[in-house]
Amino acid sequence: MSEHTHRASWDEYFMRIAVTVATRATCDRKHVGAVIERGRTILATGYNGSIAGLEHCDEVGHMMEDNHCVRTIHAEANAIIQAARNGVRIEGASIYVTASPCWQCFKMIANAGIRRIVFGEFYRDQRIFEVALRLGIDLVHLDATGDAKTT
């Protein structure tokens, strides 16, 4: 008799992939991964890392400004860039991010036409909640137990 195991929800599935993508990050201050998905198909992924061809934080150290490392490009931006480079339309998609987007990334996500943001831990910027509500972008916090909470 086989034991029934929990089948991951789609949110859990894509978030777990984002967690794996984050293992490629090169800034040890924060490893973040992002997955853009539409129709249960992965369109693009991204992690925080330096400009392609340049040194990474884990090789030469951090480039600090106002207590933030600015050497890296954030995971969400890299996922959007990957989609653009490959000619993949992401309007109407969802993005799964291991940490909630900073204000700059949130603005890029909104203007790219992404309609749903699923994030792991909350990171820094409260503005995203009010603006997402005004724009009709769903913000979903996937907590440590895997329970989704729409905010």
C-alpha atoms as a PDB file:
ATOM      1  CA  MET A   1       0.000   0.000   0.000  1.00  0.00           C
ATOM      2  CA  SER A   2       1.548   3.325  -0.994  1.00  0.00           C
ATOM      3  CA  GLU A   3       1.548   6.234   1.381  1.00  0.00           C
ATOM      4  CA  HIS A   4      -0.113   9.378   0.024  1.00  0.00           C
ATOM      5  CA  THR A   5       2.281  12.310  -0.013  1.00  0.00           C
ATOM      6  CA  HIS A   6       1.459  15.991  -0.267  1.00  0.00           C
ATOM      7  CA  ARG A   7       1.439  17.178  -3.861  1.00  0.00           C
ATOM      8  CA  ALA A   8       2.848  20.695  -4.120  1.00  0.00           C
ATOM      9  CA  SER A   9       0.454  23.437  -5.187  1.00  0.00           C
ATOM     10  CA  TRP A  10       1.491  25.442  -8.238  1.00  0.00           C
ATOM     11  CA  ASP A  11       2.543  28.316  -5.960  1.00  0.00           C
ATOM     12  CA  GLU A  12       4.692  25.968  -3.879  1.00  0.00           C
ATOM     13  CA  TYR A  13       6.156  24.385  -7.021  1.00  0.00           C
ATOM     14  CA  PHE A  14       7.229  27.653  -8.639  1.00  0.00           C
ATOM     15  CA  MET A  15       8.467  29.103  -5.338  1.00  0.00           C
ATOM     16  CA  ARG A  16      10.636  26.036  -4.766  1.00  0.00           C
ATOM     17  CA  ILE A  17      12.120  26.567  -8.209  1.00  0.00           C
ATOM     18  CA  ALA A  18      12.793  30.229  -7.308  1.00  0.00           C
ATOM     19  CA  VAL A  19      14.585  29.018  -4.158  1.00  0.00           C
ATOM     20  CA  THR A  20      16.776  26.780  -6.324  1.00  0.00           C
ATOM     21  CA  VAL A  21      17.437  29.635  -8.780  1.00  0.00           C
ATOM     22  CA  ALA A  22      18.594  31.745  -5.797  1.00  0.00           C
ATOM     23  CA  THR A  23      21.447  29.281  -5.228  1.00  0.00           C
ATOM     24  CA  ARG A  24      23.131  30.813  -8.312  1.00  0.00           C
ATOM     25  CA  ALA A  25      23.227  34.309  -6.714  1.00  0.00           C
ATOM     26  CA  THR A  26      26.681  35.806  -6.284  1.00  0.00           C
ATOM     27  CA  CYS A  27      26.090  38.456  -3.598  1.00  0.00           C
ATOM     28  CA  ASP A  28      26.297  36.849  -0.164  1.00  0.00           C
ATOM     29  CA  ARG A  29      24.411  39.732   1.467  1.00  0.00           C
ATOM     30  CA  LYS A  30      21.181  38.234   0.087  1.00  0.00           C
ATOM     31  CA  HIS A  31      20.546  35.357  -2.308  1.00  0.00           C
ATOM     32  CA  VAL A  32      17.341  35.987  -4.260  1.00  0.00           C
ATOM     33  CA  GLY A  33      15.754  33.969  -7.052  1.00  0.00           C
ATOM     34  CA  ALA A  34      12.875  34.804  -9.389  1.00  0.00           C
ATOM     35  CA  VAL A  35      10.718  32.756 -11.748  1.00  0.00           C
ATOM     36  CA  ILE A  36       8.310  34.297 -14.262  1.00  0.00           C
ATOM     37  CA  GLU A  37       5.464  31.964 -15.170  1.00  0.00           C
ATOM     38  CA  ARG A  38       2.292  32.063 -17.215  1.00  0.00           C
ATOM     39  CA  GLY A  39      -0.075  29.181 -17.859  1.00  0.00           C
ATOM     40  CA  ARG A  40       1.999  26.894 -15.605  1.00  0.00           C
ATOM     41  CA  THR A  41       4.982  27.321 -17.932  1.00  0.00           C
ATOM     42  CA  ILE A  42       8.251  28.934 -16.882  1.00  0.00           C
ATOM     43  CA  LEU A  43       9.029  31.889 -19.138  1.00  0.00           C
ATOM     44  CA  ALA A  44      12.231  33.187 -17.513  1.00  0.00           C
ATOM     45  CA  THR A  45      14.328  32.998 -14.359  1.00  0.00           C
ATOM     46  CA  GLY A  46      16.772  35.350 -12.681  1.00  0.00           C
ATOM     47  CA  TYR A  47      18.995  35.680  -9.644  1.00  0.00           C
ATOM     48  CA  ASN A  48      20.949  38.568  -8.200  1.00  0.00           C
ATOM     49  CA  GLY A  49      24.362  38.809  -9.794  1.00  0.00           C
ATOM     50  CA  SER A  50      26.794  41.228 -11.388  1.00  0.00           C
ATOM     51  CA  ILE A  51      26.685  42.547 -14.933  1.00  0.00           C
ATOM     52  CA  ALA A  52      27.584  39.655 -17.240  1.00  0.00           C
ATOM     53  CA  GLY A  53      31.343  39.515 -17.752  1.00  0.00           C
ATOM     54  CA  LEU A  54      32.213  41.588 -14.675  1.00  0.00           C
ATOM     55  CA  GLU A  55      33.441  40.468 -11.267  1.00  0.00           C
ATOM     56  CA  HIS A  56      30.996  39.183  -8.690  1.00  0.00           C
ATOM     57  CA  CYS A  57      30.697  40.129  -5.019  1.00  0.00           C
ATOM     58  CA  ASP A  58      31.790  36.658  -4.003  1.00  0.00           C
ATOM     59  CA  GLU A  59      35.004  37.224  -6.004  1.00  0.00           C
ATOM     60  CA  VAL A  60      35.970  40.847  -5.286  1.00  0.00           C
ATOM     61  CA  GLY A  61      33.682  42.038  -2.491  1.00  0.00           C
ATOM     62  CA  HIS A  62      30.724  44.351  -2.323  1.00  0.00           C
ATOM     63  CA  MET A  63      30.228  47.754  -3.959  1.00  0.00           C
ATOM     64  CA  MET A  64      28.418  49.603  -1.184  1.00  0.00           C
ATOM     65  CA  GLU A  65      26.289  52.756  -1.440  1.00  0.00           C
ATOM     66  CA  ASP A  66      23.966  53.871   1.374  1.00  0.00           C
ATOM     67  CA  ASN A  67      24.371  50.516   3.120  1.00  0.00           C
ATOM     68  CA  HIS A  68      23.282  48.599  -0.032  1.00  0.00           C
ATOM     69  CA  CYS A  69      25.408  46.560  -2.395  1.00  0.00           C
ATOM     70  CA  VAL A  70      24.970  48.025  -5.879  1.00  0.00           C
ATOM     71  CA  ARG A  71      27.270  45.645  -7.769  1.00  0.00           C
ATOM     72  CA  THR A  72      24.425  43.238  -8.548  1.00  0.00           C
ATOM     73  CA  ILE A  73      21.343  43.355 -10.704  1.00  0.00           C
ATOM     74  CA  HIS A  74      18.329  42.108  -8.752  1.00  0.00           C
ATOM     75  CA  ALA A  75      16.732  38.745  -9.506  1.00  0.00           C
ATOM     76  CA  GLU A  76      13.451  40.228 -10.752  1.00  0.00           C
ATOM     77  CA  ALA A  77      15.253  42.565 -13.156  1.00  0.00           C
ATOM     78  CA  ASN A  78      17.431  39.732 -14.438  1.00  0.00           C
ATOM     79  CA  ALA A  79      14.340  37.578 -15.083  1.00  0.00           C
ATOM     80  CA  ILE A  80      12.665  40.428 -17.006  1.00  0.00           C
ATOM     81  CA  ILE A  81      15.911  41.012 -18.944  1.00  0.00           C
ATOM     82  CA  GLN A  82      16.191  37.296 -19.767  1.00  0.00           C
ATOM     83  CA  ALA A  83      12.644  37.321 -21.148  1.00  0.00           C
ATOM     84  CA  ALA A  84      13.385  40.436 -23.238  1.00  0.00           C
ATOM     85  CA  ARG A  85      16.644  39.001 -24.613  1.00  0.00           C
ATOM     86  CA  ASN A  86      14.817  35.841 -25.647  1.00  0.00           C
ATOM     87  CA  GLY A  87      11.770  37.613 -27.086  1.00  0.00           C
ATOM     88  CA  VAL A  88       9.404  36.141 -24.501  1.00  0.00           C
ATOM     89  CA  ARG A  89       6.217  38.077 -23.782  1.00  0.00           C
ATOM     90  CA  ILE A  90       5.598  38.288 -20.028  1.00  0.00           C
ATOM     91  CA  GLU A  91       2.509  40.511 -19.919  1.00  0.00           C
ATOM     92  CA  GLY A  92      -0.160  38.897 -17.745  1.00  0.00           C
ATOM     93  CA  ALA A  93       2.361  36.554 -16.109  1.00  0.00           C
ATOM     94  CA  SER A  94       3.118  35.843 -12.459  1.00  0.00           C
ATOM     95  CA  ILE A  95       6.514  36.271 -10.820  1.00  0.00           C
ATOM     96  CA  TYR A  96       7.712  34.166  -7.901  1.00  0.00           C
ATOM     97  CA  VAL A  97      10.431  35.826  -5.846  1.00  0.00           C
ATOM     98  CA  THR A  98      12.137  34.514  -2.721  1.00  0.00           C
ATOM     99  CA  ALA A  99      12.016  38.034  -1.205  1.00  0.00           C
ATOM    100  CA  SER A 100       9.477  40.776  -1.885  1.00  0.00           C
ATOM    101  CA  PRO A 101      10.600  43.208  -4.586  1.00  0.00           C
ATOM    102  CA  CYS A 102      12.342  46.464  -3.778  1.00  0.00           C
ATOM    103  CA  TRP A 103      10.657  49.614  -5.038  1.00  0.00           C
ATOM    104  CA  GLN A 104      12.724  49.771  -8.263  1.00  0.00           C
ATOM    105  CA  CYS A 105      12.020  46.134  -9.127  1.00  0.00           C
ATOM    106  CA  PHE A 106       8.342  46.527  -8.249  1.00  0.00           C
ATOM    107  CA  LYS A 107       8.072  49.397 -10.752  1.00  0.00           C
ATOM    108  CA  MET A 108       9.698  47.262 -13.467  1.00  0.00           C
ATOM    109  CA  ILE A 109       7.387  44.346 -12.693  1.00  0.00           C
ATOM    110  CA  ALA A 110       4.327  46.620 -12.892  1.00  0.00           C
ATOM    111  CA  ASN A 111       5.378  48.208 -16.174  1.00  0.00           C
ATOM    112  CA  ALA A 112       6.214  44.800 -17.665  1.00  0.00           C
ATOM    113  CA  GLY A 113       2.534  43.909 -17.211  1.00  0.00           C
ATOM    114  CA  ILE A 114       3.068  41.179 -14.619  1.00  0.00           C
ATOM    115  CA  ARG A 115      -0.243  40.801 -12.756  1.00  0.00           C
ATOM    116  CA  ARG A 116       0.721  38.626  -9.780  1.00  0.00           C
ATOM    117  CA  ILE A 117       3.691  38.664  -7.422  1.00  0.00           C
ATOM    118  CA  VAL A 118       4.235  35.707  -5.087  1.00  0.00           C
ATOM    119  CA  PHE A 119       7.010  36.356  -2.576  1.00  0.00           C
ATOM    120  CA  GLY A 120       8.709  34.519   0.261  1.00  0.00           C
ATOM    121  CA  GLU A 121      10.080  36.777   2.940  1.00  0.00           C
ATOM    122  CA  PHE A 122       9.107  40.438   3.193  1.00  0.00           C
ATOM    123  CA  TYR A 123      12.060  42.654   2.284  1.00  0.00           C
ATOM    124  CA  ARG A 124      12.157  46.381   3.060  1.00  0.00           C
ATOM    125  CA  ASP A 125       9.558  48.293   1.073  1.00  0.00           C
ATOM    126  CA  GLN A 126       5.956  48.744   2.277  1.00  0.00           C
ATOM    127  CA  ARG A 127       5.043  50.994  -0.704  1.00  0.00           C
ATOM    128  CA  ILE A 128       4.524  47.957  -2.913  1.00  0.00           C
ATOM    129  CA  PHE A 129       1.364  46.952  -0.996  1.00  0.00           C
ATOM    130  CA  GLU A 130      -0.559  50.192  -1.546  1.00  0.00           C
ATOM    131  CA  VAL A 131       0.560  50.637  -5.150  1.00  0.00           C
ATOM    132  CA  ALA A 132      -0.159  46.991  -6.050  1.00  0.00           C
ATOM    133  CA  LEU A 133      -3.686  47.432  -4.708  1.00  0.00           C
ATOM    134  CA  ARG A 134      -4.159  50.604  -6.786  1.00  0.00           C
ATOM    135  CA  LEU A 135      -2.869  48.849  -9.931  1.00  0.00           C
ATOM    136  CA  GLY A 136      -4.760  45.600  -9.428  1.00  0.00           C
ATOM    137  CA  ILE A 137      -1.606  43.523  -9.044  1.00  0.00           C
ATOM    138  CA  ASP A 138      -2.103  40.540  -6.741  1.00  0.00           C
ATOM    139  CA  LEU A 139       0.535  40.303  -4.007  1.00  0.00           C
ATOM    140  CA  VAL A 140       0.712  36.900  -2.353  1.00  0.00           C
ATOM    141  CA  HIS A 141       2.941  36.112   0.604  1.00  0.00           C
ATOM    142  CA  LEU A 142       3.880  32.446   0.681  1.00  0.00           C
ATOM    143  CA  ASP A 143       4.886  31.852   4.283  1.00  0.00           C
ATOM    144  CA  ALA A 144       7.301  29.259   5.660  1.00  0.00           C
ATOM    145  CA  THR A 145       4.554  26.614   5.912  1.00  0.00           C
ATOM    146  CA  GLY A 146       3.672  27.051   2.242  1.00  0.00           C
ATOM    147  CA  ASP A 147       0.352  28.730   2.999  1.00  0.00           C
ATOM    148  CA  ALA A 148      -0.516  31.512   0.567  1.00  0.00           C
ATOM    149  CA  LYS A 149      -1.854  34.743   2.050  1.00  0.00           C
ATOM    150  CA  THR A 150      -3.163  37.394  -0.347  1.00  0.00           C
ATOM    151  CA  THR A 151      -2.238  40.878   0.879  1.00  0.00           C
END
